[in-house]
Structure formats: C-alpha cells, structure tokens
Amino acid sequence: GRRLLREYYRGYVEIARAHDAPLRLETPTWRASADWGA
C-alpha cells in the first residue's frame, strides 16, 4: 500500500516539475477519524 501511494503521489510530483509549480501533498486520511476507523 505504501509503495502504491508513493507511485500515486509521484505522478503529481512530475506534473509540478513539468510546470515549474509548487506542489501540495494531502494525506490519504479522509476516512481516518473515529467512526470510520472503528
């Protein structure tokens, strides 16, 4: 899973590099709260 996430985010690293733009990385934690986690 961590390898897949790295591959996923690196795709956007390349877009930022291609456009000489800053990058915003957001954690994959949209569901990582108490009710969903339980």
PDB file of all heavy atoms in Angstrom:
ATOM      1  N   GLY A   1       0.811  -1.207   0.000  1.00  0.00           N
ATOM      2  CA  GLY A   1       0.000   0.000   0.000  1.00  0.00           C
ATOM      3  C   GLY A   1       0.841   1.252   0.000  1.00  0.00           C
ATOM      4  O   GLY A   1       0.552   2.221  -0.720  1.00  0.00           O
ATOM      5  N   ARG A   2       1.894   1.273   0.813  1.00  0.00           N
ATOM      6  CA  ARG A   2       2.775   2.445   0.839  1.00  0.00           C
ATOM      7  C   ARG A   2       3.482   2.633  -0.498  1.00  0.00           C
ATOM      8  O   ARG A   2       3.640   3.764  -0.970  1.00  0.00           O
ATOM      9  CB  ARG A   2       3.786   2.318   1.971  1.00  0.00           C
ATOM     10  CG  ARG A   2       3.173   2.508   3.359  1.00  0.00           C
ATOM     11  CD  ARG A   2       4.248   2.660   4.424  1.00  0.00           C
ATOM     12  NE  ARG A   2       5.065   1.459   4.543  1.00  0.00           N
ATOM     13  CZ  ARG A   2       4.745   0.418   5.314  1.00  0.00           C
ATOM     14  NH1 ARG A   2       3.616   0.421   6.009  1.00  0.00           N
ATOM     15  NH2 ARG A   2       5.548  -0.619   5.389  1.00  0.00           N
ATOM     16  N   ARG A   3       3.878   1.522  -1.121  1.00  0.00           N
ATOM     17  CA  ARG A   3       4.514   1.626  -2.444  1.00  0.00           C
ATOM     18  C   ARG A   3       3.530   2.206  -3.461  1.00  0.00           C
ATOM     19  O   ARG A   3       3.903   3.044  -4.305  1.00  0.00           O
ATOM     20  CB  ARG A   3       5.018   0.254  -2.906  1.00  0.00           C
ATOM     21  CG  ARG A   3       6.324  -0.169  -2.262  1.00  0.00           C
ATOM     22  CD  ARG A   3       6.928  -1.357  -2.968  1.00  0.00           C
ATOM     23  NE  ARG A   3       6.152  -2.567  -2.723  1.00  0.00           N
ATOM     24  CZ  ARG A   3       6.378  -3.405  -1.730  1.00  0.00           C
ATOM     25  NH1 ARG A   3       7.346  -3.156  -0.855  1.00  0.00           N
ATOM     26  NH2 ARG A   3       5.650  -4.500  -1.577  1.00  0.00           N
ATOM     27  N   LEU A   4       2.286   1.766  -3.392  1.00  0.00           N
ATOM     28  CA  LEU A   4       1.276   2.270  -4.322  1.00  0.00           C
ATOM     29  C   LEU A   4       1.013   3.759  -4.088  1.00  0.00           C
ATOM     30  O   LEU A   4       0.880   4.532  -5.048  1.00  0.00           O
ATOM     31  CB  LEU A   4      -0.009   1.470  -4.156  1.00  0.00           C
ATOM     32  CG  LEU A   4      -1.174   1.823  -5.087  1.00  0.00           C
ATOM     33  CD1 LEU A   4      -0.756   1.695  -6.551  1.00  0.00           C
ATOM     34  CD2 LEU A   4      -2.368   0.932  -4.798  1.00  0.00           C
ATOM     35  N   LEU A   5       0.942   4.160  -2.830  1.00  0.00           N
ATOM     36  CA  LEU A   5       0.734   5.574  -2.529  1.00  0.00           C
ATOM     37  C   LEU A   5       1.907   6.413  -3.024  1.00  0.00           C
ATOM     38  O   LEU A   5       1.710   7.513  -3.566  1.00  0.00           O
ATOM     39  CB  LEU A   5       0.528   5.775  -1.029  1.00  0.00           C
ATOM     40  CG  LEU A   5      -0.807   5.287  -0.470  1.00  0.00           C
ATOM     41  CD1 LEU A   5      -0.788   5.304   1.056  1.00  0.00           C
ATOM     42  CD2 LEU A   5      -1.971   6.122  -0.997  1.00  0.00           C
ATOM     43  N   ARG A   6       3.114   5.922  -2.848  1.00  0.00           N
ATOM     44  CA  ARG A   6       4.277   6.650  -3.351  1.00  0.00           C
ATOM     45  C   ARG A   6       4.192   6.829  -4.876  1.00  0.00           C
ATOM     46  O   ARG A   6       4.445   7.924  -5.405  1.00  0.00           O
ATOM     47  CB  ARG A   6       5.573   5.907  -3.000  1.00  0.00           C
ATOM     48  CG  ARG A   6       5.987   6.026  -1.554  1.00  0.00           C
ATOM     49  CD  ARG A   6       7.261   5.228  -1.293  1.00  0.00           C
ATOM     50  NE  ARG A   6       7.734   5.396   0.066  1.00  0.00           N
ATOM     51  CZ  ARG A   6       8.505   6.389   0.463  1.00  0.00           C
ATOM     52  NH1 ARG A   6       8.905   7.307  -0.419  1.00  0.00           N
ATOM     53  NH2 ARG A   6       8.896   6.492   1.726  1.00  0.00           N
ATOM     54  N   GLU A   7       3.826   5.760  -5.559  1.00  0.00           N
ATOM     55  CA  GLU A   7       3.696   5.828  -7.014  1.00  0.00           C
ATOM     56  C   GLU A   7       2.623   6.830  -7.416  1.00  0.00           C
ATOM     57  O   GLU A   7       2.789   7.614  -8.358  1.00  0.00           O
ATOM     58  CB  GLU A   7       3.354   4.443  -7.562  1.00  0.00           C
ATOM     59  CG  GLU A   7       3.140   4.397  -9.063  1.00  0.00           C
ATOM     60  CD  GLU A   7       2.706   3.034  -9.543  1.00  0.00           C
ATOM     61  OE1 GLU A   7       2.860   2.049  -8.777  1.00  0.00           O
ATOM     62  OE2 GLU A   7       2.183   2.932 -10.676  1.00  0.00           O
ATOM     63  N   TYR A   8       1.516   6.801  -6.690  1.00  0.00           N
ATOM     64  CA  TYR A   8       0.410   7.717  -6.982  1.00  0.00           C
ATOM     65  C   TYR A   8       0.854   9.165  -6.844  1.00  0.00           C
ATOM     66  O   TYR A   8       0.669   9.987  -7.750  1.00  0.00           O
ATOM     67  CB  TYR A   8      -0.751   7.414  -6.026  1.00  0.00           C
ATOM     68  CG  TYR A   8      -1.851   8.445  -6.059  1.00  0.00           C
ATOM     69  CD1 TYR A   8      -2.866   8.389  -7.008  1.00  0.00           C
ATOM     70  CD2 TYR A   8      -1.876   9.496  -5.132  1.00  0.00           C
ATOM     71  CE1 TYR A   8      -3.872   9.343  -7.042  1.00  0.00           C
ATOM     72  CE2 TYR A   8      -2.885  10.446  -5.156  1.00  0.00           C
ATOM     73  CZ  TYR A   8      -3.872  10.364  -6.117  1.00  0.00           C
ATOM     74  OH  TYR A   8      -4.858  11.320  -6.153  1.00  0.00           O
ATOM     75  N   TYR A   9       1.425   9.522  -5.695  1.00  0.00           N
ATOM     76  CA  TYR A   9       1.807  10.917  -5.459  1.00  0.00           C
ATOM     77  C   TYR A   9       2.931  11.367  -6.386  1.00  0.00           C
ATOM     78  O   TYR A   9       3.002  12.546  -6.756  1.00  0.00           O
ATOM     79  CB  TYR A   9       2.217  11.111  -4.001  1.00  0.00           C
ATOM     80  CG  TYR A   9       1.051  11.091  -3.029  1.00  0.00           C
ATOM     81  CD1 TYR A   9       0.899  10.054  -2.109  1.00  0.00           C
ATOM     82  CD2 TYR A   9       0.106  12.106  -3.018  1.00  0.00           C
ATOM     83  CE1 TYR A   9      -0.154  10.027  -1.213  1.00  0.00           C
ATOM     84  CE2 TYR A   9      -0.960  12.097  -2.130  1.00  0.00           C
ATOM     85  CZ  TYR A   9      -1.088  11.052  -1.227  1.00  0.00           C
ATOM     86  OH  TYR A   9      -2.144  11.030  -0.345  1.00  0.00           O
ATOM     87  N   ARG A  10       3.808  10.454  -6.761  1.00  0.00           N
ATOM     88  CA  ARG A  10       4.910  10.844  -7.638  1.00  0.00           C
ATOM     89  C   ARG A  10       4.411  11.301  -9.002  1.00  0.00           C
ATOM     90  O   ARG A  10       5.065  12.092  -9.680  1.00  0.00           O
ATOM     91  CB  ARG A  10       5.899   9.686  -7.788  1.00  0.00           C
ATOM     92  CG  ARG A  10       6.801   9.515  -6.565  1.00  0.00           C
ATOM     93  CD  ARG A  10       7.598   8.239  -6.629  1.00  0.00           C
ATOM     94  NE  ARG A  10       8.433   8.066  -5.440  1.00  0.00           N
ATOM     95  CZ  ARG A  10       8.893   6.899  -5.017  1.00  0.00           C
ATOM     96  NH1 ARG A  10       8.599   5.787  -5.687  1.00  0.00           N
ATOM     97  NH2 ARG A  10       9.648   6.829  -3.938  1.00  0.00           N
ATOM     98  N   GLY A  11       3.237  10.807  -9.415  1.00  0.00           N
ATOM     99  CA  GLY A  11       2.669  11.289 -10.673  1.00  0.00           C
ATOM    100  C   GLY A  11       2.410  12.787 -10.632  1.00  0.00           C
ATOM    101  O   GLY A  11       2.586  13.499 -11.641  1.00  0.00           O
ATOM    102  N   TYR A  12       2.028  13.294  -9.466  1.00  0.00           N
ATOM    103  CA  TYR A  12       1.750  14.724  -9.315  1.00  0.00           C
ATOM    104  C   TYR A  12       3.027  15.520  -9.057  1.00  0.00           C
ATOM    105  O   TYR A  12       3.109  16.701  -9.415  1.00  0.00           O
ATOM    106  CB  TYR A  12       0.703  14.929  -8.216  1.00  0.00           C
ATOM    107  CG  TYR A  12      -0.583  14.235  -8.612  1.00  0.00           C
ATOM    108  CD1 TYR A  12      -0.857  12.931  -8.176  1.00  0.00           C
ATOM    109  CD2 TYR A  12      -1.470  14.826  -9.495  1.00  0.00           C
ATOM    110  CE1 TYR A  12      -2.003  12.268  -8.585  1.00  0.00           C
ATOM    111  CE2 TYR A  12      -2.624  14.180  -9.903  1.00  0.00           C
ATOM    112  CZ  TYR A  12      -2.884  12.895  -9.454  1.00  0.00           C
ATOM    113  OH  TYR A  12      -4.009  12.232  -9.877  1.00  0.00           O
ATOM    114  N   VAL A  13       4.025  14.865  -8.487  1.00  0.00           N
ATOM    115  CA  VAL A  13       5.353  15.484  -8.420  1.00  0.00           C
ATOM    116  C   VAL A  13       5.824  15.830  -9.826  1.00  0.00           C
ATOM    117  O   VAL A  13       6.346  16.929 -10.084  1.00  0.00           O
ATOM    118  CB  VAL A  13       6.362  14.541  -7.730  1.00  0.00           C
ATOM    119  CG1 VAL A  13       7.789  15.057  -7.907  1.00  0.00           C
ATOM    120  CG2 VAL A  13       6.033  14.381  -6.251  1.00  0.00           C
ATOM    121  N   GLU A  14       5.616  14.906 -10.762  1.00  0.00           N
ATOM    122  CA  GLU A  14       6.074  15.136 -12.139  1.00  0.00           C
ATOM    123  C   GLU A  14       5.291  16.253 -12.814  1.00  0.00           C
ATOM    124  O   GLU A  14       5.849  17.014 -13.611  1.00  0.00           O
ATOM    125  CB  GLU A  14       5.980  13.840 -12.948  1.00  0.00           C
ATOM    126  CG  GLU A  14       6.933  12.758 -12.475  1.00  0.00           C
ATOM    127  CD  GLU A  14       8.367  13.263 -12.357  1.00  0.00           C
ATOM    128  OE1 GLU A  14       8.840  13.948 -13.311  1.00  0.00           O
ATOM    129  OE2 GLU A  14       9.001  13.000 -11.322  1.00  0.00           O
ATOM    130  N   ILE A  15       4.006  16.364 -12.524  1.00  0.00           N
ATOM    131  CA  ILE A  15       3.222  17.473 -13.098  1.00  0.00           C
ATOM    132  C   ILE A  15       3.743  18.803 -12.566  1.00  0.00           C
ATOM    133  O   ILE A  15       3.929  19.767 -13.319  1.00  0.00           O
ATOM    134  CB  ILE A  15       1.727  17.299 -12.778  1.00  0.00           C
ATOM    135  CG1 ILE A  15       1.173  16.055 -13.488  1.00  0.00           C
ATOM    136  CG2 ILE A  15       0.936  18.544 -13.189  1.00  0.00           C
ATOM    137  CD1 ILE A  15      -0.241  15.691 -13.088  1.00  0.00           C
ATOM    138  N   ALA A  16       3.997  18.869 -11.266  1.00  0.00           N
ATOM    139  CA  ALA A  16       4.542  20.099 -10.689  1.00  0.00           C
ATOM    140  C   ALA A  16       5.898  20.432 -11.298  1.00  0.00           C
ATOM    141  O   ALA A  16       6.184  21.595 -11.624  1.00  0.00           O
ATOM    142  CB  ALA A  16       4.658  19.956  -9.171  1.00  0.00           C
ATOM    143  N   ARG A  17       6.736  19.415 -11.474  1.00  0.00           N
ATOM    144  CA  ARG A  17       8.055  19.650 -12.064  1.00  0.00           C
ATOM    145  C   ARG A  17       7.924  20.150 -13.503  1.00  0.00           C
ATOM    146  O   ARG A  17       8.626  21.080 -13.919  1.00  0.00           O
ATOM    147  CB  ARG A  17       8.883  18.368 -12.013  1.00  0.00           C
ATOM    148  CG  ARG A  17      10.284  18.525 -12.594  1.00  0.00           C
ATOM    149  CD  ARG A  17      11.110  17.272 -12.390  1.00  0.00           C
ATOM    150  NE  ARG A  17      11.476  17.099 -10.995  1.00  0.00           N
ATOM    151  CZ  ARG A  17      11.115  16.079 -10.241  1.00  0.00           C
ATOM    152  NH1 ARG A  17      10.359  15.120 -10.740  1.00  0.00           N
ATOM    153  NH2 ARG A  17      11.506  16.004  -8.977  1.00  0.00           N
ATOM    154  N   ALA A  18       7.009  19.558 -14.263  1.00  0.00           N
ATOM    155  CA  ALA A  18       6.846  19.946 -15.670  1.00  0.00           C
ATOM    156  C   ALA A  18       6.406  21.392 -15.813  1.00  0.00           C
ATOM    157  O   ALA A  18       6.734  22.052 -16.812  1.00  0.00           O
ATOM    158  CB  ALA A  18       5.841  19.017 -16.345  1.00  0.00           C
ATOM    159  N   HIS A  19       5.667  21.888 -14.824  1.00  0.00           N
ATOM    160  CA  HIS A  19       5.140  23.255 -14.908  1.00  0.00           C
ATOM    161  C   HIS A  19       5.860  24.213 -13.978  1.00  0.00           C
ATOM    162  O   HIS A  19       5.424  25.353 -13.816  1.00  0.00           O
ATOM    163  CB  HIS A  19       3.639  23.238 -14.617  1.00  0.00           C
ATOM    164  CG  HIS A  19       2.855  22.530 -15.674  1.00  0.00           C
ATOM    165  ND1 HIS A  19       2.421  23.147 -16.821  1.00  0.00           N
ATOM    166  CD2 HIS A  19       2.473  21.230 -15.778  1.00  0.00           C
ATOM    167  CE1 HIS A  19       1.785  22.269 -17.587  1.00  0.00           C
ATOM    168  NE2 HIS A  19       1.808  21.100 -16.964  1.00  0.00           N
ATOM    169  N   ASP A  20       6.969  23.745 -13.396  1.00  0.00           N
ATOM    170  CA  ASP A  20       7.758  24.589 -12.503  1.00  0.00           C
ATOM    171  C   ASP A  20       6.852  25.235 -11.457  1.00  0.00           C
ATOM    172  O   ASP A  20       6.942  26.439 -11.176  1.00  0.00           O
ATOM    173  CB  ASP A  20       8.504  25.661 -13.313  1.00  0.00           C
ATOM    174  CG  ASP A  20       9.646  26.292 -12.534  1.00  0.00           C
ATOM    175  OD1 ASP A  20      10.025  25.721 -11.493  1.00  0.00           O
ATOM    176  OD2 ASP A  20      10.133  27.362 -12.947  1.00  0.00           O
ATOM    177  N   ALA A  21       5.968  24.411 -10.899  1.00  0.00           N
ATOM    178  CA  ALA A  21       4.953  24.900  -9.968  1.00  0.00           C
ATOM    179  C   ALA A  21       5.171  24.286  -8.591  1.00  0.00           C
ATOM    180  O   ALA A  21       5.702  23.177  -8.466  1.00  0.00           O
ATOM    181  CB  ALA A  21       3.556  24.539 -10.463  1.00  0.00           C
ATOM    182  N   PRO A  22       4.750  24.960  -7.542  1.00  0.00           N
ATOM    183  CA  PRO A  22       4.791  24.352  -6.212  1.00  0.00           C
ATOM    184  C   PRO A  22       3.771  23.219  -6.118  1.00  0.00           C
ATOM    185  O   PRO A  22       2.800  23.188  -6.882  1.00  0.00           O
ATOM    186  CB  PRO A  22       4.441  25.508  -5.272  1.00  0.00           C
ATOM    187  CG  PRO A  22       3.680  26.476  -6.120  1.00  0.00           C
ATOM    188  CD  PRO A  22       4.222  26.337  -7.508  1.00  0.00           C
ATOM    189  N   LEU A  23       4.004  22.319  -5.189  1.00  0.00           N
ATOM    190  CA  LEU A  23       3.179  21.121  -5.047  1.00  0.00           C
ATOM    191  C   LEU A  23       2.524  21.095  -3.676  1.00  0.00           C
ATOM    192  O   LEU A  23       3.126  21.456  -2.664  1.00  0.00           O
ATOM    193  CB  LEU A  23       4.046  19.873  -5.211  1.00  0.00           C
ATOM    194  CG  LEU A  23       3.377  18.516  -5.017  1.00  0.00           C
ATOM    195  CD1 LEU A  23       2.329  18.258  -6.102  1.00  0.00           C
ATOM    196  CD2 LEU A  23       4.420  17.399  -5.016  1.00  0.00           C
ATOM    197  N   ARG A  24       1.280  20.636  -3.663  1.00  0.00           N
ATOM    198  CA  ARG A  24       0.529  20.441  -2.430  1.00  0.00           C
ATOM    199  C   ARG A  24       0.227  18.947  -2.309  1.00  0.00           C
ATOM    200  O   ARG A  24      -0.455  18.367  -3.161  1.00  0.00           O
ATOM    201  CB  ARG A  24      -0.756  21.256  -2.492  1.00  0.00           C
ATOM    202  CG  ARG A  24      -1.723  21.054  -1.327  1.00  0.00           C
ATOM    203  CD  ARG A  24      -2.995  21.830  -1.623  1.00  0.00           C
ATOM    204  NE  ARG A  24      -4.077  21.534  -0.704  1.00  0.00           N
ATOM    205  CZ  ARG A  24      -4.491  22.347   0.270  1.00  0.00           C
ATOM    206  NH1 ARG A  24      -3.901  23.511   0.453  1.00  0.00           N
ATOM    207  NH2 ARG A  24      -5.496  22.006   1.049  1.00  0.00           N
ATOM    208  N   LEU A  25       0.748  18.316  -1.257  1.00  0.00           N
ATOM    209  CA  LEU A  25       0.501  16.905  -0.996  1.00  0.00           C
ATOM    210  C   LEU A  25      -0.457  16.790   0.181  1.00  0.00           C
ATOM    211  O   LEU A  25      -0.209  17.344   1.257  1.00  0.00           O
ATOM    212  CB  LEU A  25       1.805  16.175  -0.661  1.00  0.00           C
ATOM    213  CG  LEU A  25       2.831  16.033  -1.790  1.00  0.00           C
ATOM    214  CD1 LEU A  25       4.119  15.410  -1.252  1.00  0.00           C
ATOM    215  CD2 LEU A  25       2.278  15.191  -2.936  1.00  0.00           C
ATOM    216  N   GLU A  26      -1.547  16.044  -0.012  1.00  0.00           N
ATOM    217  CA  GLU A  26      -2.566  15.888   1.022  1.00  0.00           C
ATOM    218  C   GLU A  26      -2.607  14.438   1.492  1.00  0.00           C
ATOM    219  O   GLU A  26      -2.607  13.509   0.680  1.00  0.00           O
ATOM    220  CB  GLU A  26      -3.930  16.311   0.484  1.00  0.00           C
ATOM    221  CG  GLU A  26      -3.934  17.773   0.041  1.00  0.00           C
ATOM    222  CD  GLU A  26      -5.258  18.241  -0.524  1.00  0.00           C
ATOM    223  OE1 GLU A  26      -6.141  17.386  -0.783  1.00  0.00           O
ATOM    224  OE2 GLU A  26      -5.417  19.457  -0.701  1.00  0.00           O
ATOM    225  N   THR A  27      -2.648  14.248   2.795  1.00  0.00           N
ATOM    226  CA  THR A  27      -2.590  12.908   3.361  1.00  0.00           C
ATOM    227  C   THR A  27      -3.803  12.071   2.959  1.00  0.00           C
ATOM    228  O   THR A  27      -4.907  12.611   2.790  1.00  0.00           O
ATOM    229  CB  THR A  27      -2.516  12.967   4.901  1.00  0.00           C
ATOM    230  OG1 THR A  27      -3.640  13.714   5.398  1.00  0.00           O
ATOM    231  CG2 THR A  27      -1.229  13.617   5.364  1.00  0.00           C
ATOM    232  N   PRO A  28      -3.636  10.756   2.828  1.00  0.00           N
ATOM    233  CA  PRO A  28      -4.748   9.870   2.456  1.00  0.00           C
ATOM    234  C   PRO A  28      -5.613   9.501   3.658  1.00  0.00           C
ATOM    235  O   PRO A  28      -5.924   8.326   3.900  1.00  0.00           O
ATOM    236  CB  PRO A  28      -4.027   8.644   1.885  1.00  0.00           C
ATOM    237  CG  PRO A  28      -2.767   8.570   2.681  1.00  0.00           C
ATOM    238  CD  PRO A  28      -2.363  10.012   2.925  1.00  0.00           C
ATOM    239  N   THR A  29      -6.026  10.518   4.420  1.00  0.00           N
ATOM    240  CA  THR A  29      -6.662  10.287   5.720  1.00  0.00           C
ATOM    241  C   THR A  29      -8.091  10.814   5.785  1.00  0.00           C
ATOM    242  O   THR A  29      -8.602  11.111   6.870  1.00  0.00           O
ATOM    243  CB  THR A  29      -5.814  10.948   6.835  1.00  0.00           C
ATOM    244  OG1 THR A  29      -5.584  12.333   6.494  1.00  0.00           O
ATOM    245  CG2 THR A  29      -4.491  10.231   7.005  1.00  0.00           C
ATOM    246  N   TRP A  30      -8.746  10.936   4.643  1.00  0.00           N
ATOM    247  CA  TRP A  30     -10.107  11.452   4.582  1.00  0.00           C
ATOM    248  C   TRP A  30     -11.068  10.655   5.470  1.00  0.00           C
ATOM    249  O   TRP A  30     -12.013  11.193   6.030  1.00  0.00           O
ATOM    250  CB  TRP A  30     -10.558  11.439   3.122  1.00  0.00           C
ATOM    251  CG  TRP A  30     -11.880  12.055   2.823  1.00  0.00           C
ATOM    252  CD1 TRP A  30     -12.208  13.375   2.852  1.00  0.00           C
ATOM    253  CD2 TRP A  30     -13.061  11.359   2.398  1.00  0.00           C
ATOM    254  NE1 TRP A  30     -13.520  13.559   2.471  1.00  0.00           N
ATOM    255  CE2 TRP A  30     -14.067  12.330   2.187  1.00  0.00           C
ATOM    256  CE3 TRP A  30     -13.364  10.019   2.168  1.00  0.00           C
ATOM    257  CZ2 TRP A  30     -15.357  11.992   1.766  1.00  0.00           C
ATOM    258  CZ3 TRP A  30     -14.633   9.686   1.744  1.00  0.00           C
ATOM    259  CH2 TRP A  30     -15.624  10.669   1.548  1.00  0.00           C
ATOM    260  N   ARG A  31     -10.802   9.353   5.616  1.00  0.00           N
ATOM    261  CA  ARG A  31     -11.649   8.495   6.448  1.00  0.00           C
ATOM    262  C   ARG A  31     -11.010   8.134   7.791  1.00  0.00           C
ATOM    263  O   ARG A  31     -11.568   7.316   8.541  1.00  0.00           O
ATOM    264  CB  ARG A  31     -11.955   7.193   5.711  1.00  0.00           C
ATOM    265  CG  ARG A  31     -12.940   7.304   4.556  1.00  0.00           C
ATOM    266  CD  ARG A  31     -14.320   7.688   5.024  1.00  0.00           C
ATOM    267  NE  ARG A  31     -15.358   7.289   4.076  1.00  0.00           N
ATOM    268  CZ  ARG A  31     -16.469   7.974   3.851  1.00  0.00           C
ATOM    269  NH1 ARG A  31     -16.682   9.109   4.510  1.00  0.00           N
ATOM    270  NH2 ARG A  31     -17.373   7.551   2.992  1.00  0.00           N
ATOM    271  N   ALA A  32      -9.871   8.710   8.131  1.00  0.00           N
ATOM    272  CA  ALA A  32      -9.125   8.274   9.316  1.00  0.00           C
ATOM    273  C   ALA A  32      -9.582   8.999  10.578  1.00  0.00           C
ATOM    274  O   ALA A  32      -8.786   9.573  11.319  1.00  0.00           O
ATOM    275  CB  ALA A  32      -7.631   8.460   9.094  1.00  0.00           C
ATOM    276  N   SER A  33     -10.888   8.944  10.834  1.00  0.00           N
ATOM    277  CA  SER A  33     -11.461   9.516  12.048  1.00  0.00           C
ATOM    278  C   SER A  33     -12.232   8.426  12.795  1.00  0.00           C
ATOM    279  O   SER A  33     -12.406   7.312  12.288  1.00  0.00           O
ATOM    280  CB  SER A  33     -12.365  10.697  11.710  1.00  0.00           C
ATOM    281  OG  SER A  33     -13.464  10.293  10.910  1.00  0.00           O
ATOM    282  N   ALA A  34     -12.709   8.756  13.981  1.00  0.00           N
ATOM    283  CA  ALA A  34     -13.151   7.732  14.939  1.00  0.00           C
ATOM    284  C   ALA A  34     -14.234   6.795  14.418  1.00  0.00           C
ATOM    285  O   ALA A  34     -14.102   5.568  14.502  1.00  0.00           O
ATOM    286  CB  ALA A  34     -13.614   8.410  16.224  1.00  0.00           C
ATOM    287  N   ASP A  35     -15.338   7.339  13.902  1.00  0.00           N
ATOM    288  CA  ASP A  35     -16.445   6.468  13.494  1.00  0.00           C
ATOM    289  C   ASP A  35     -16.051   5.560  12.339  1.00  0.00           C
ATOM    290  O   ASP A  35     -16.351   4.355  12.342  1.00  0.00           O
ATOM    291  CB  ASP A  35     -17.656   7.309  13.097  1.00  0.00           C
ATOM    292  CG  ASP A  35     -18.340   7.952  14.291  1.00  0.00           C
ATOM    293  OD1 ASP A  35     -17.903   7.715  15.433  1.00  0.00           O
ATOM    294  OD2 ASP A  35     -19.313   8.705  14.085  1.00  0.00           O
ATOM    295  N   TRP A  36     -15.404   6.140  11.336  1.00  0.00           N
ATOM    296  CA  TRP A  36     -14.994   5.342  10.178  1.00  0.00           C
ATOM    297  C   TRP A  36     -13.890   4.362  10.569  1.00  0.00           C
ATOM    298  O   TRP A  36     -13.885   3.209  10.122  1.00  0.00           O
ATOM    299  CB  TRP A  36     -14.542   6.249   9.047  1.00  0.00           C
ATOM    300  CG  TRP A  36     -15.642   7.111   8.514  1.00  0.00           C
ATOM    301  CD1 TRP A  36     -15.875   8.428   8.787  1.00  0.00           C
ATOM    302  CD2 TRP A  36     -16.697   6.693   7.634  1.00  0.00           C
ATOM    303  NE1 TRP A  36     -16.993   8.866   8.122  1.00  0.00           N
ATOM    304  CE2 TRP A  36     -17.520   7.822   7.407  1.00  0.00           C
ATOM    305  CE3 TRP A  36     -17.020   5.489   7.008  1.00  0.00           C
ATOM    306  CZ2 TRP A  36     -18.642   7.779   6.586  1.00  0.00           C
ATOM    307  CZ3 TRP A  36     -18.143   5.437   6.184  1.00  0.00           C
ATOM    308  CH2 TRP A  36     -18.933   6.568   5.991  1.00  0.00           C
ATOM    309  N   GLY A  37     -12.959   4.809  11.393  1.00  0.00           N
ATOM    310  CA  GLY A  37     -11.887   3.925  11.817  1.00  0.00           C
ATOM    311  C   GLY A  37     -12.405   2.725  12.587  1.00  0.00           C
ATOM    312  O   GLY A  37     -11.936   1.596  12.393  1.00  0.00           O
ATOM    313  N   ALA A  38     -13.391   2.955  13.457  1.00  0.00           N
ATOM    314  CA  ALA A  38     -13.944   1.855  14.244  1.00  0.00           C
ATOM    315  C   ALA A  38     -14.541   0.778  13.344  1.00  0.00           C
ATOM    316  O   ALA A  38     -14.459  -0.420  13.652  1.00  0.00           O
ATOM    317  CB  ALA A  38     -14.994   2.387  15.212  1.00  0.00           C
TER     318      ALA A  38
END
